Amino acid sequence: MIRRLVVLVGFLAQLGSAHTAETGSTELGAREVASHTPTEIAQQQRDLVEARLWGLDLTEIQRARQLMAGPRGAFSVANISPVEVLGIHARTPTERDRYAELFARMTYEDLQRVLAFQQAYDAALRRLNVDLRPVALDGRELPRGFLGVSR
């Protein structure tokens, strides 16, 4: 019970800071908190966290979710990002450009992380003296060193 209370207090503090960021106001009226059920508050908190992860605001993440509840959800793969959804359904060229740039930046940063890990993995194979030979699907053996691992 105490754990739930601590979580709720922490959650309300986060909600207050999110409300400040969204509205510029530090007041969170009792009517605002009382008008939402704990489930709605928890969902809004999850939405805020997801929005921050994607570089979006609360209204954008909610719009992406609404779009995915319609035909976009049927047309798209389940793991399409909210940034892609918003870009596809942009209301103006400026909005489309913003989402395209955000998505390009995010995918570029992810690519850098993937490549750094691949380089670390390749180095680990070399340190461990692992002699991997790539397999060709047509049955031919590929030349040694094809993957950058030579021995």
Protein backbone atom coordinates (compact mmCIF):
# COMPACT_ATOMS: atom_id res chain seq x y z
CA MET A 1 0.00 0.00 0.00
CA ILE A 2 2.80 2.43 0.91
CA ARG A 3 4.63 1.51 -2.28
CA ARG A 4 1.54 2.42 -4.31
CA LEU A 5 1.25 5.71 -2.46
CA VAL A 6 4.92 6.52 -3.14
CA VAL A 7 4.46 5.65 -6.81
CA LEU A 8 1.32 7.81 -6.99
CA VAL A 9 3.06 10.77 -5.34
CA GLY A 10 6.01 10.43 -7.70
CA PHE A 11 3.64 10.12 -10.60
CA LEU A 12 1.74 13.25 -9.60
CA ALA A 13 5.02 15.14 -9.29
CA GLN A 14 5.97 14.02 -12.80
CA LEU A 15 2.52 14.92 -14.07
CA GLY A 16 2.89 18.35 -12.52
CA SER A 17 6.24 18.91 -14.22
CA ALA A 18 4.82 17.63 -17.50
CA HIS A 19 1.83 19.95 -17.08
CA THR A 20 4.23 22.83 -16.50
CA ALA A 21 6.12 21.95 -19.67
CA GLU A 22 2.91 21.63 -21.69
CA THR A 23 1.08 24.71 -20.38
CA GLY A 24 3.74 26.90 -18.82
CA SER A 25 1.73 26.79 -15.59
CA THR A 26 2.88 25.35 -12.28
CA GLU A 27 -0.65 25.06 -10.93
CA LEU A 28 -2.30 21.67 -11.16
CA GLY A 29 -5.82 22.28 -9.98
CA ALA A 30 -7.61 19.79 -7.77
CA ARG A 31 -10.40 19.65 -10.34
CA GLU A 32 -7.91 18.59 -13.03
CA VAL A 33 -6.57 15.71 -10.95
CA ALA A 34 -9.99 14.73 -9.61
CA SER A 35 -11.56 14.73 -13.09
CA HIS A 36 -9.24 11.94 -14.27
CA THR A 37 -9.36 8.34 -13.12
CA PRO A 38 -6.14 6.68 -11.98
CA THR A 39 -6.20 4.68 -15.23
CA GLU A 40 -6.44 7.86 -17.31
CA ILE A 41 -3.66 9.48 -15.32
CA ALA A 42 -1.46 6.41 -15.73
CA GLN A 43 -2.15 6.39 -19.49
CA GLN A 44 -1.29 10.07 -19.76
CA GLN A 45 1.95 9.43 -17.88
CA ARG A 46 2.82 6.58 -20.27
CA ASP A 47 1.97 8.88 -23.20
CA LEU A 48 4.29 11.58 -21.83
CA VAL A 49 7.15 9.11 -21.44
CA GLU A 50 6.60 7.74 -24.95
CA ALA A 51 6.37 11.24 -26.39
CA ARG A 52 9.69 12.22 -24.82
CA LEU A 53 11.35 9.06 -26.14
CA TRP A 54 10.29 9.98 -29.68
CA GLY A 55 10.96 13.72 -29.39
CA LEU A 56 7.25 14.53 -29.59
CA ASP A 57 4.76 16.27 -27.35
CA LEU A 58 1.67 14.78 -25.71
CA THR A 59 -0.78 15.86 -28.41
CA GLU A 60 1.42 14.41 -31.14
CA ILE A 61 1.72 11.00 -29.51
CA GLN A 62 -2.03 10.93 -28.92
CA ARG A 63 -2.67 11.88 -32.57
CA ALA A 64 -0.33 9.11 -33.75
CA ARG A 65 -2.22 6.62 -31.58
CA GLN A 66 -5.56 7.80 -33.00
CA LEU A 67 -4.24 7.46 -36.54
CA MET A 68 -3.05 3.93 -35.79
CA ALA A 69 -6.54 3.05 -34.54
CA GLY A 70 -7.85 3.75 -38.05
CA PRO A 71 -6.81 2.58 -41.50
CA ARG A 72 -3.13 3.45 -40.89
CA GLY A 73 -3.01 0.64 -38.33
CA ALA A 74 -4.25 -1.81 -40.95
CA PHE A 75 -1.85 -0.56 -43.64
CA SER A 76 1.29 -0.45 -41.51
CA VAL A 77 3.49 -2.92 -39.70
CA ALA A 78 2.84 -3.13 -35.98
CA ASN A 79 6.16 -1.54 -35.06
CA ILE A 80 5.86 1.61 -37.18
CA SER A 81 7.06 4.56 -35.15
CA PRO A 82 4.77 7.42 -34.15
CA VAL A 83 7.14 9.78 -35.99
CA GLU A 84 6.58 7.85 -39.24
CA VAL A 85 2.81 7.81 -38.70
CA LEU A 86 2.74 11.57 -38.12
CA GLY A 87 5.00 12.17 -41.12
CA ILE A 88 2.78 10.10 -43.39
CA HIS A 89 -0.27 11.96 -42.14
CA ALA A 90 1.33 15.41 -41.91
CA ARG A 91 -1.12 18.25 -42.37
CA THR A 92 1.37 20.64 -43.97
CA PRO A 93 4.65 20.39 -45.87
CA THR A 94 6.39 22.07 -42.92
CA GLU A 95 5.04 19.45 -40.55
CA ARG A 96 6.10 16.66 -42.94
CA ASP A 97 9.61 18.13 -43.15
CA ARG A 98 9.84 18.33 -39.35
CA TYR A 99 8.89 14.67 -38.89
CA ALA A 100 11.18 13.60 -41.74
CA GLU A 101 14.12 15.40 -40.17
CA LEU A 102 13.35 14.01 -36.72
CA PHE A 103 13.12 10.47 -38.12
CA ALA A 104 16.28 10.88 -40.20
CA ARG A 105 18.19 12.10 -37.16
CA MET A 106 16.93 9.22 -35.01
CA THR A 107 17.71 6.54 -37.59
CA TYR A 108 21.16 8.03 -38.25
CA GLU A 109 21.96 7.99 -34.53
CA ASP A 110 20.73 4.40 -34.30
CA LEU A 111 22.85 3.42 -37.30
CA GLN A 112 25.91 4.87 -35.58
CA ARG A 113 25.19 2.75 -32.49
CA VAL A 114 24.68 -0.39 -34.59
CA LEU A 115 27.91 0.16 -36.52
CA ALA A 116 29.88 0.83 -33.33
CA PHE A 117 28.57 -2.41 -31.85
CA GLN A 118 29.38 -4.33 -35.05
CA GLN A 119 32.94 -3.01 -34.98
CA ALA A 120 33.29 -4.03 -31.32
CA TYR A 121 31.91 -7.47 -32.17
CA ASP A 122 34.34 -7.89 -35.09
CA ALA A 123 37.24 -6.84 -32.84
CA ALA A 124 36.12 -9.35 -30.20
CA LEU A 125 36.13 -12.13 -32.79
CA ARG A 126 39.66 -11.18 -33.81
CA ARG A 127 40.82 -11.10 -30.16
CA LEU A 128 39.29 -14.52 -29.58
CA ASN A 129 40.97 -15.86 -32.71
CA VAL A 130 37.65 -17.05 -34.06
CA ASP A 131 37.97 -18.32 -37.62
CA LEU A 132 34.56 -17.69 -39.13
CA ARG A 133 34.02 -18.37 -42.76
CA PRO A 134 30.96 -16.80 -44.34
CA VAL A 135 28.52 -19.27 -45.82
CA ALA A 136 27.23 -18.73 -49.34
CA LEU A 137 23.67 -19.92 -49.78
CA ASP A 138 24.49 -21.47 -53.16
CA GLY A 139 26.97 -23.83 -51.50
CA ARG A 140 30.16 -22.05 -52.53
CA GLU A 141 32.58 -21.02 -49.82
CA LEU A 142 33.30 -17.31 -49.71
CA PRO A 143 36.92 -16.14 -49.49
CA ARG A 144 38.60 -15.78 -46.10
CA GLY A 145 38.49 -12.26 -44.77
CA PHE A 146 35.19 -11.57 -46.53
CA LEU A 147 33.65 -10.20 -43.33
CA GLY A 148 36.79 -8.45 -42.21
CA VAL A 149 37.79 -11.43 -40.05
CA SER A 150 40.95 -12.94 -41.44
CA ARG A 151 43.13 -15.70 -40.07
